[in-house]
């Protein structure tokens, strides 16, 4: 059974504004208090890293562009826990 989707509370992904320079690939907005609360709950679970994928929705915005959203990436190879080496390394 697929894992339930998890969305980070207080973190929002957006396409770049139409007038943004070409090197701007997107925007992330953080509602600080809400996101800190979310992060503290994640930290209680023992997680050192939080991976978030920026995805494109099937829904369109008011300009007809597909909306973007953020989703927590909980993938673990073969359903196993990450090794110490993986958790110590920069995930990006």
PDB file of N, CA and C in Angstrom:
ATOM      1  N   UNK A   1       0.842  -1.187   0.000  1.00  0.00           N
ATOM      2  CA  UNK A   1       0.000   0.000   0.000  1.00  0.00           C
ATOM      3  C   UNK A   1       0.885   1.248   0.000  1.00  0.00           C
ATOM      4  N   UNK A   2       0.615   2.206  -0.887  1.00  0.00           N
ATOM      5  CA  UNK A   2       1.462   3.390  -0.948  1.00  0.00           C
ATOM      6  C   UNK A   2       1.369   4.214   0.330  1.00  0.00           C
ATOM      7  N   UNK A   3       2.482   4.840   0.652  1.00  0.00           N
ATOM      8  CA  UNK A   3       2.543   5.677   1.834  1.00  0.00           C
ATOM      9  C   UNK A   3       1.670   6.917   1.635  1.00  0.00           C
ATOM     10  N   UNK A   4       1.048   7.385   2.708  1.00  0.00           N
ATOM     11  CA  UNK A   4       0.212   8.571   2.612  1.00  0.00           C
ATOM     12  C   UNK A   4       1.074   9.795   2.324  1.00  0.00           C
ATOM     13  N   UNK A   5       0.589  10.675   1.462  1.00  0.00           N
ATOM     14  CA  UNK A   5       1.333  11.881   1.102  1.00  0.00           C
ATOM     15  C   UNK A   5       1.414  12.807   2.307  1.00  0.00           C
ATOM     16  N   UNK A   6       2.580  13.432   2.458  1.00  0.00           N
ATOM     17  CA  UNK A   6       2.796  14.371   3.555  1.00  0.00           C
ATOM     18  C   UNK A   6       3.203  15.715   2.967  1.00  0.00           C
ATOM     19  N   UNK A   7       2.542  16.758   3.416  1.00  0.00           N
ATOM     20  CA  UNK A   7       2.831  18.095   2.937  1.00  0.00           C
ATOM     21  C   UNK A   7       3.363  18.921   4.108  1.00  0.00           C
ATOM     22  N   UNK A   8       4.462  19.650   3.911  1.00  0.00           N
ATOM     23  CA  UNK A   8       5.042  20.419   5.005  1.00  0.00           C
ATOM     24  C   UNK A   8       4.181  21.638   5.343  1.00  0.00           C
ATOM     25  N   UNK A   9       3.718  21.703   6.573  1.00  0.00           N
ATOM     26  CA  UNK A   9       2.900  22.837   7.014  1.00  0.00           C
ATOM     27  C   UNK A   9       3.755  24.099   7.067  1.00  0.00           C
ATOM     28  N   UNK A  10       3.262  25.149   6.444  1.00  0.00           N
ATOM     29  CA  UNK A  10       3.937  26.440   6.503  1.00  0.00           C
ATOM     30  C   UNK A  10       4.951  26.678   5.404  1.00  0.00           C
ATOM     31  N   UNK A  11       5.113  25.734   4.464  1.00  0.00           N
ATOM     32  CA  UNK A  11       6.057  25.906   3.351  1.00  0.00           C
ATOM     33  C   UNK A  11       5.278  25.786   2.052  1.00  0.00           C
ATOM     34  N   UNK A  12       5.450  26.770   1.174  1.00  0.00           N
ATOM     35  CA  UNK A  12       4.669  26.822  -0.058  1.00  0.00           C
ATOM     36  C   UNK A  12       5.596  27.091  -1.250  1.00  0.00           C
ATOM     37  N   UNK A  13       5.393  26.362  -2.337  1.00  0.00           N
ATOM     38  CA  UNK A  13       6.201  26.511  -3.543  1.00  0.00           C
ATOM     39  C   UNK A  13       5.386  27.222  -4.624  1.00  0.00           C
ATOM     40  N   UNK A  14       6.062  28.098  -5.362  1.00  0.00           N
ATOM     41  CA  UNK A  14       5.393  28.853  -6.416  1.00  0.00           C
ATOM     42  C   UNK A  14       6.291  28.925  -7.647  1.00  0.00           C
ATOM     43  N   UNK A  15       5.654  28.987  -8.829  1.00  0.00           N
ATOM     44  CA  UNK A  15       6.425  29.227 -10.052  1.00  0.00           C
ATOM     45  C   UNK A  15       7.005  30.632  -9.959  1.00  0.00           C
ATOM     46  N   UNK A  16       8.061  30.881 -10.716  1.00  0.00           N
ATOM     47  CA  UNK A  16       8.604  32.246 -10.709  1.00  0.00           C
ATOM     48  C   UNK A  16       7.595  33.222 -11.312  1.00  0.00           C
ATOM     49  N   UNK A  17       7.648  34.448 -10.883  1.00  0.00           N
ATOM     50  CA  UNK A  17       6.739  35.457 -11.454  1.00  0.00           C
ATOM     51  C   UNK A  17       7.098  35.669 -12.919  1.00  0.00           C
ATOM     52  N   UNK A  18       6.164  36.070 -13.734  1.00  0.00           N
ATOM     53  CA  UNK A  18       6.409  36.209 -15.181  1.00  0.00           C
ATOM     54  C   UNK A  18       7.575  37.142 -15.533  1.00  0.00           C
ATOM     55  N   UNK A  19       7.839  38.126 -14.691  1.00  0.00           N
ATOM     56  CA  UNK A  19       8.912  39.087 -14.992  1.00  0.00           C
ATOM     57  C   UNK A  19      10.251  38.699 -14.355  1.00  0.00           C
ATOM     58  N   UNK A  20      10.318  37.528 -13.717  1.00  0.00           N
ATOM     59  CA  UNK A  20      11.563  37.101 -13.063  1.00  0.00           C
ATOM     60  C   UNK A  20      12.633  36.783 -14.096  1.00  0.00           C
ATOM     61  N   UNK A  21      13.896  37.026 -13.762  1.00  0.00           N
ATOM     62  CA  UNK A  21      14.967  36.664 -14.691  1.00  0.00           C
ATOM     63  C   UNK A  21      15.028  35.147 -14.882  1.00  0.00           C
ATOM     64  N   UNK A  22      15.633  34.709 -15.966  1.00  0.00           N
ATOM     65  CA  UNK A  22      15.637  33.280 -16.321  1.00  0.00           C
ATOM     66  C   UNK A  22      16.332  32.399 -15.289  1.00  0.00           C
ATOM     67  N   UNK A  23      17.229  32.964 -14.484  1.00  0.00           N
ATOM     68  CA  UNK A  23      17.928  32.144 -13.493  1.00  0.00           C
ATOM     69  C   UNK A  23      17.090  31.881 -12.246  1.00  0.00           C
ATOM     70  N   UNK A  24      15.940  32.537 -12.099  1.00  0.00           N
ATOM     71  CA  UNK A  24      15.031  32.260 -10.989  1.00  0.00           C
ATOM     72  C   UNK A  24      14.127  31.111 -11.413  1.00  0.00           C
ATOM     73  N   UNK A  25      14.235  29.981 -10.739  1.00  0.00           N
ATOM     74  CA  UNK A  25      13.504  28.773 -11.119  1.00  0.00           C
ATOM     75  C   UNK A  25      12.225  28.576 -10.331  1.00  0.00           C
ATOM     76  N   UNK A  26      12.048  29.265  -9.240  1.00  0.00           N
ATOM     77  CA  UNK A  26      10.850  29.142  -8.434  1.00  0.00           C
ATOM     78  C   UNK A  26      11.010  29.947  -7.163  1.00  0.00           C
ATOM     79  N   UNK A  27       9.953  29.981  -6.376  1.00  0.00           N
ATOM     80  CA  UNK A  27       9.950  30.707  -5.117  1.00  0.00           C
ATOM     81  C   UNK A  27       9.390  29.809  -4.026  1.00  0.00           C
ATOM     82  N   UNK A  28       9.985  29.879  -2.861  1.00  0.00           N
ATOM     83  CA  UNK A  28       9.482  29.162  -1.702  1.00  0.00           C
ATOM     84  C   UNK A  28       9.098  30.208  -0.668  1.00  0.00           C
ATOM     85  N   UNK A  29       7.873  30.123  -0.169  1.00  0.00           N
ATOM     86  CA  UNK A  29       7.399  31.012   0.885  1.00  0.00           C
ATOM     87  C   UNK A  29       7.270  30.192   2.158  1.00  0.00           C
ATOM     88  N   UNK A  30       7.745  30.765   3.263  1.00  0.00           N
ATOM     89  CA  UNK A  30       7.681  30.060   4.548  1.00  0.00           C
ATOM     90  C   UNK A  30       6.935  30.922   5.551  1.00  0.00           C
ATOM     91  N   UNK A  31       5.879  30.355   6.108  1.00  0.00           N
ATOM     92  CA  UNK A  31       5.170  30.980   7.214  1.00  0.00           C
ATOM     93  C   UNK A  31       5.921  30.501   8.460  1.00  0.00           C
ATOM     94  N   UNK A  32       6.783  31.338   8.984  1.00  0.00           N
ATOM     95  CA  UNK A  32       7.810  30.939   9.943  1.00  0.00           C
ATOM     96  C   UNK A  32       7.246  30.187  11.157  1.00  0.00           C
ATOM     97  N   UNK A  33       6.296  30.747  11.849  1.00  0.00           N
ATOM     98  CA  UNK A  33       5.786  30.108  13.069  1.00  0.00           C
ATOM     99  C   UNK A  33       5.201  28.725  12.780  1.00  0.00           C
ATOM    100  N   UNK A  34       4.415  28.617  11.725  1.00  0.00           N
ATOM    101  CA  UNK A  34       3.796  27.343  11.353  1.00  0.00           C
ATOM    102  C   UNK A  34       4.847  26.325  10.937  1.00  0.00           C
ATOM    103  N   UNK A  35       5.843  26.763  10.157  1.00  0.00           N
ATOM    104  CA  UNK A  35       6.875  25.842   9.681  1.00  0.00           C
ATOM    105  C   UNK A  35       7.779  25.390  10.828  1.00  0.00           C
ATOM    106  N   UNK A  36       8.097  26.293  11.758  1.00  0.00           N
ATOM    107  CA  UNK A  36       8.905  25.901  12.922  1.00  0.00           C
ATOM    108  C   UNK A  36       8.183  24.860  13.772  1.00  0.00           C
ATOM    109  N   UNK A  37       6.901  25.024  13.925  1.00  0.00           N
ATOM    110  CA  UNK A  37       6.090  24.057  14.667  1.00  0.00           C
ATOM    111  C   UNK A  37       6.149  22.691  13.966  1.00  0.00           C
ATOM    112  N   UNK A  38       6.012  22.698  12.650  1.00  0.00           N
ATOM    113  CA  UNK A  38       6.088  21.472  11.859  1.00  0.00           C
ATOM    114  C   UNK A  38       7.466  20.821  12.002  1.00  0.00           C
ATOM    115  N   UNK A  39       8.522  21.633  11.896  1.00  0.00           N
ATOM    116  CA  UNK A  39       9.885  21.102  12.017  1.00  0.00           C
ATOM    117  C   UNK A  39      10.147  20.504  13.394  1.00  0.00           C
ATOM    118  N   UNK A  40       9.642  21.136  14.434  1.00  0.00           N
ATOM    119  CA  UNK A  40       9.876  20.599  15.782  1.00  0.00           C
ATOM    120  C   UNK A  40       9.202  19.248  15.951  1.00  0.00           C
ATOM    121  N   UNK A  41       8.036  19.055  15.334  1.00  0.00           N
ATOM    122  CA  UNK A  41       7.378  17.744  15.385  1.00  0.00           C
ATOM    123  C   UNK A  41       8.176  16.706  14.610  1.00  0.00           C
ATOM    124  N   UNK A  42       8.751  17.104  13.463  1.00  0.00           N
ATOM    125  CA  UNK A  42       9.585  16.183  12.688  1.00  0.00           C
ATOM    126  C   UNK A  42      10.841  15.808  13.473  1.00  0.00           C
ATOM    127  N   UNK A  43      11.415  16.775  14.184  1.00  0.00           N
ATOM    128  CA  UNK A  43      12.634  16.518  14.960  1.00  0.00           C
ATOM    129  C   UNK A  43      12.369  15.544  16.102  1.00  0.00           C
ATOM    130  N   UNK A  44      11.159  15.585  16.670  1.00  0.00           N
ATOM    131  CA  UNK A  44      10.800  14.645  17.742  1.00  0.00           C
ATOM    132  C   UNK A  44      10.848  13.210  17.250  1.00  0.00           C
ATOM    133  N   UNK A  45      10.603  13.010  15.963  1.00  0.00           N
ATOM    134  CA  UNK A  45      10.638  11.683  15.372  1.00  0.00           C
ATOM    135  C   UNK A  45      12.058  11.197  15.099  1.00  0.00           C
ATOM    136  N   UNK A  46      13.059  12.000  15.442  1.00  0.00           N
ATOM    137  CA  UNK A  46      14.445  11.598  15.277  1.00  0.00           C
ATOM    138  C   UNK A  46      15.035  11.910  13.926  1.00  0.00           C
ATOM    139  N   UNK A  47      14.307  12.631  13.107  1.00  0.00           N
ATOM    140  CA  UNK A  47      14.815  12.939  11.776  1.00  0.00           C
ATOM    141  C   UNK A  47      15.813  14.069  11.786  1.00  0.00           C
ATOM    142  N   UNK A  48      16.957  13.844  11.132  1.00  0.00           N
ATOM    143  CA  UNK A  48      17.965  14.880  11.034  1.00  0.00           C
ATOM    144  C   UNK A  48      17.802  15.661   9.735  1.00  0.00           C
ATOM    145  N   UNK A  49      17.304  14.986   8.693  1.00  0.00           N
ATOM    146  CA  UNK A  49      17.126  15.597   7.386  1.00  0.00           C
ATOM    147  C   UNK A  49      15.655  15.593   7.017  1.00  0.00           C
ATOM    148  N   UNK A  50      15.246  16.610   6.318  1.00  0.00           N
ATOM    149  CA  UNK A  50      13.896  16.683   5.784  1.00  0.00           C
ATOM    150  C   UNK A  50      14.026  16.990   4.307  1.00  0.00           C
ATOM    151  N   UNK A  51      13.603  16.072   3.471  1.00  0.00           N
ATOM    152  CA  UNK A  51      13.668  16.269   2.024  1.00  0.00           C
ATOM    153  C   UNK A  51      12.279  16.644   1.524  1.00  0.00           C
ATOM    154  N   UNK A  52      12.245  17.686   0.725  1.00  0.00           N
ATOM    155  CA  UNK A  52      10.974  18.177   0.204  1.00  0.00           C
ATOM    156  C   UNK A  52      11.094  18.290  -1.311  1.00  0.00           C
ATOM    157  N   UNK A  53      10.161  17.666  -2.009  1.00  0.00           N
ATOM    158  CA  UNK A  53      10.105  17.756  -3.469  1.00  0.00           C
ATOM    159  C   UNK A  53       9.165  18.888  -3.862  1.00  0.00           C
ATOM    160  N   UNK A  54       9.561  19.645  -4.862  1.00  0.00           N
ATOM    161  CA  UNK A  54       8.687  20.660  -5.446  1.00  0.00           C
ATOM    162  C   UNK A  54       8.073  20.012  -6.682  1.00  0.00           C
ATOM    163  N   UNK A  55       6.737  19.942  -6.702  1.00  0.00           N
ATOM    164  CA  UNK A  55       6.034  19.225  -7.767  1.00  0.00           C
ATOM    165  C   UNK A  55       5.056  20.141  -8.494  1.00  0.00           C
ATOM    166  N   UNK A  56       4.635  19.677  -9.661  1.00  0.00           N
ATOM    167  CA  UNK A  56       3.664  20.409 -10.461  1.00  0.00           C
ATOM    168  C   UNK A  56       2.317  19.696 -10.356  1.00  0.00           C
ATOM    169  N   UNK A  57       1.294  20.438 -10.045  1.00  0.00           N
ATOM    170  CA  UNK A  57      -0.046  19.898  -9.860  1.00  0.00           C
ATOM    171  C   UNK A  57      -0.768  19.738 -11.195  1.00  0.00           C
ATOM    172  N   UNK A  58      -1.887  19.068 -11.148  1.00  0.00           N
ATOM    173  CA  UNK A  58      -2.760  18.989 -12.321  1.00  0.00           C
ATOM    174  C   UNK A  58      -3.716  20.183 -12.354  1.00  0.00           C
ATOM    175  N   UNK A  59      -3.783  20.925 -11.248  1.00  0.00           N
ATOM    176  CA  UNK A  59      -4.672  22.089 -11.157  1.00  0.00           C
ATOM    177  C   UNK A  59      -3.979  23.322 -11.711  1.00  0.00           C
ATOM    178  N   UNK A  60      -4.773  24.191 -12.318  1.00  0.00           N
ATOM    179  CA  UNK A  60      -4.233  25.412 -12.908  1.00  0.00           C
ATOM    180  C   UNK A  60      -4.500  26.624 -12.019  1.00  0.00           C
ATOM    181  N   UNK A  61      -3.610  27.611 -12.114  1.00  0.00           N
ATOM    182  CA  UNK A  61      -3.840  28.869 -11.406  1.00  0.00           C
ATOM    183  C   UNK A  61      -4.708  29.783 -12.274  1.00  0.00           C
ATOM    184  N   UNK A  62      -4.894  31.021 -11.832  1.00  0.00           N
ATOM    185  CA  UNK A  62      -5.776  31.948 -12.554  1.00  0.00           C
ATOM    186  C   UNK A  62      -5.246  32.330 -13.936  1.00  0.00           C
ATOM    187  N   UNK A  63      -3.952  32.098 -14.177  1.00  0.00           N
ATOM    188  CA  UNK A  63      -3.361  32.399 -15.485  1.00  0.00           C
ATOM    189  C   UNK A  63      -3.278  31.178 -16.392  1.00  0.00           C
ATOM    190  N   UNK A  64      -3.796  30.042 -15.925  1.00  0.00           N
ATOM    191  CA  UNK A  64      -3.779  28.830 -16.732  1.00  0.00           C
ATOM    192  C   UNK A  64      -2.507  28.007 -16.604  1.00  0.00           C
ATOM    193  N   UNK A  65      -1.605  28.407 -15.701  1.00  0.00           N
ATOM    194  CA  UNK A  65      -0.379  27.642 -15.459  1.00  0.00           C
ATOM    195  C   UNK A  65      -0.647  26.568 -14.411  1.00  0.00           C
ATOM    196  N   UNK A  66       0.012  25.434 -14.541  1.00  0.00           N
ATOM    197  CA  UNK A  66      -0.128  24.398 -13.531  1.00  0.00           C
ATOM    198  C   UNK A  66       0.498  24.885 -12.227  1.00  0.00           C
ATOM    199  N   UNK A  67      -0.215  24.674 -11.113  1.00  0.00           N
ATOM    200  CA  UNK A  67       0.273  25.109  -9.808  1.00  0.00           C
ATOM    201  C   UNK A  67       1.424  24.224  -9.344  1.00  0.00           C
ATOM    202  N   UNK A  68       2.261  24.774  -8.498  1.00  0.00           N
ATOM    203  CA  UNK A  68       3.352  24.023  -7.880  1.00  0.00           C
ATOM    204  C   UNK A  68       2.987  23.789  -6.417  1.00  0.00           C
ATOM    205  N   UNK A  69       3.551  22.735  -5.845  1.00  0.00           N
ATOM    206  CA  UNK A  69       3.349  22.464  -4.429  1.00  0.00           C
ATOM    207  C   UNK A  69       4.552  21.729  -3.866  1.00  0.00           C
ATOM    208  N   UNK A  70       4.659  21.706  -2.547  1.00  0.00           N
ATOM    209  CA  UNK A  70       5.755  21.026  -1.861  1.00  0.00           C
ATOM    210  C   UNK A  70       5.218  19.764  -1.206  1.00  0.00           C
ATOM    211  N   UNK A  71       5.987  18.676  -1.324  1.00  0.00           N
ATOM    212  CA  UNK A  71       5.604  17.402  -0.707  1.00  0.00           C
ATOM    213  C   UNK A  71       6.846  16.791  -0.066  1.00  0.00           C
ATOM    214  N   UNK A  72       6.677  16.264   1.145  1.00  0.00           N
ATOM    215  CA  UNK A  72       7.781  15.623   1.851  1.00  0.00           C
ATOM    216  C   UNK A  72       8.163  14.342   1.121  1.00  0.00           C
ATOM    217  N   UNK A  73       9.459  14.145   0.940  1.00  0.00           N
ATOM    218  CA  UNK A  73       9.989  12.955   0.294  1.00  0.00           C
ATOM    219  C   UNK A  73      10.476  12.003   1.385  1.00  0.00           C
ATOM    220  N   UNK A  74       9.683  10.976   1.664  1.00  0.00           N
ATOM    221  CA  UNK A  74      10.033   9.987   2.696  1.00  0.00           C
ATOM    222  C   UNK A  74      10.612   8.708   2.104  1.00  0.00           C
ATOM    223  N   UNK A  75      11.064   8.756   0.857  1.00  0.00           N
ATOM    224  CA  UNK A  75      11.556   7.563   0.180  1.00  0.00           C
ATOM    225  C   UNK A  75      12.776   6.974   0.887  1.00  0.00           C
ATOM    226  N   UNK A  76      12.745   5.679   1.075  1.00  0.00           N
ATOM    227  CA  UNK A  76      13.880   4.925   1.590  1.00  0.00           C
ATOM    228  C   UNK A  76      14.055   3.723   0.670  1.00  0.00           C
ATOM    229  N   UNK A  77      15.251   3.485   0.139  1.00  0.00           N
ATOM    230  CA  UNK A  77      15.462   2.355  -0.773  1.00  0.00           C
ATOM    231  C   UNK A  77      15.020   1.039  -0.149  1.00  0.00           C
ATOM    232  N   UNK A  78      14.229   0.286  -0.873  1.00  0.00           N
ATOM    233  CA  UNK A  78      13.746  -1.027  -0.421  1.00  0.00           C
ATOM    234  C   UNK A  78      13.062  -0.975   0.937  1.00  0.00           C
ATOM    235  N   UNK A  79      12.516   0.187   1.309  1.00  0.00           N
ATOM    236  CA  UNK A  79      11.799   0.318   2.576  1.00  0.00           C
ATOM    237  C   UNK A  79      12.696   0.259   3.790  1.00  0.00           C
ATOM    238  N   UNK A  80      14.008   0.385   3.616  1.00  0.00           N
ATOM    239  CA  UNK A  80      14.949   0.304   4.728  1.00  0.00           C
ATOM    240  C   UNK A  80      15.258   1.682   5.271  1.00  0.00           C
ATOM    241  N   UNK A  81      15.809   1.703   6.469  1.00  0.00           N
ATOM    242  CA  UNK A  81      16.260   2.960   7.057  1.00  0.00           C
ATOM    243  C   UNK A  81      17.515   3.422   6.325  1.00  0.00           C
ATOM    244  N   UNK A  82      17.714   4.710   6.248  1.00  0.00           N
ATOM    245  CA  UNK A  82      18.920   5.248   5.634  1.00  0.00           C
ATOM    246  C   UNK A  82      20.127   4.876   6.486  1.00  0.00           C
ATOM    247  N   UNK A  83      21.261   4.640   5.834  1.00  0.00           N
ATOM    248  CA  UNK A  83      22.471   4.309   6.570  1.00  0.00           C
ATOM    249  C   UNK A  83      23.024   5.555   7.237  1.00  0.00           C
ATOM    250  N   UNK A  84      23.926   5.380   8.217  1.00  0.00           N
ATOM    251  CA  UNK A  84      24.533   6.508   8.901  1.00  0.00           C
ATOM    252  C   UNK A  84      25.280   7.387   7.905  1.00  0.00           C
ATOM    253  N   UNK A  85      25.944   6.759   6.935  1.00  0.00           N
ATOM    254  CA  UNK A  85      26.679   7.510   5.921  1.00  0.00           C
ATOM    255  C   UNK A  85      25.738   8.413   5.126  1.00  0.00           C
ATOM    256  N   UNK A  86      24.542   7.915   4.787  1.00  0.00           N
ATOM    257  CA  UNK A  86      23.573   8.717   4.041  1.00  0.00           C
ATOM    258  C   UNK A  86      23.051   9.882   4.866  1.00  0.00           C
ATOM    259  N   UNK A  87      22.819   9.653   6.154  1.00  0.00           N
ATOM    260  CA  UNK A  87      22.281  10.719   6.996  1.00  0.00           C
ATOM    261  C   UNK A  87      23.326  11.763   7.338  1.00  0.00           C
ATOM    262  N   UNK A  88      24.611  11.375   7.331  1.00  0.00           N
ATOM    263  CA  UNK A  88      25.675  12.335   7.611  1.00  0.00           C
ATOM    264  C   UNK A  88      25.997  13.192   6.402  1.00  0.00           C
ATOM    265  N   UNK A  89      25.725  12.677   5.218  1.00  0.00           N
ATOM    266  CA  UNK A  89      26.064  13.385   3.982  1.00  0.00           C
ATOM    267  C   UNK A  89      25.007  14.423   3.644  1.00  0.00           C
ATOM    268  N   UNK A  90      25.433  15.454   2.932  1.00  0.00           N
ATOM    269  CA  UNK A  90      24.498  16.459   2.439  1.00  0.00           C
ATOM    270  C   UNK A  90      23.596  15.794   1.407  1.00  0.00           C
ATOM    271  N   UNK A  91      22.260  15.839   1.585  1.00  0.00           N
ATOM    272  CA  UNK A  91      21.362  15.129   0.684  1.00  0.00           C
ATOM    273  C   UNK A  91      21.262  15.750  -0.701  1.00  0.00           C
ATOM    274  N   UNK A  92      21.866  16.894  -0.917  1.00  0.00           N
ATOM    275  CA  UNK A  92      21.734  17.547  -2.207  1.00  0.00           C
ATOM    276  C   UNK A  92      23.074  17.585  -2.835  1.00  0.00           C
TER     277      UNK A  92
END
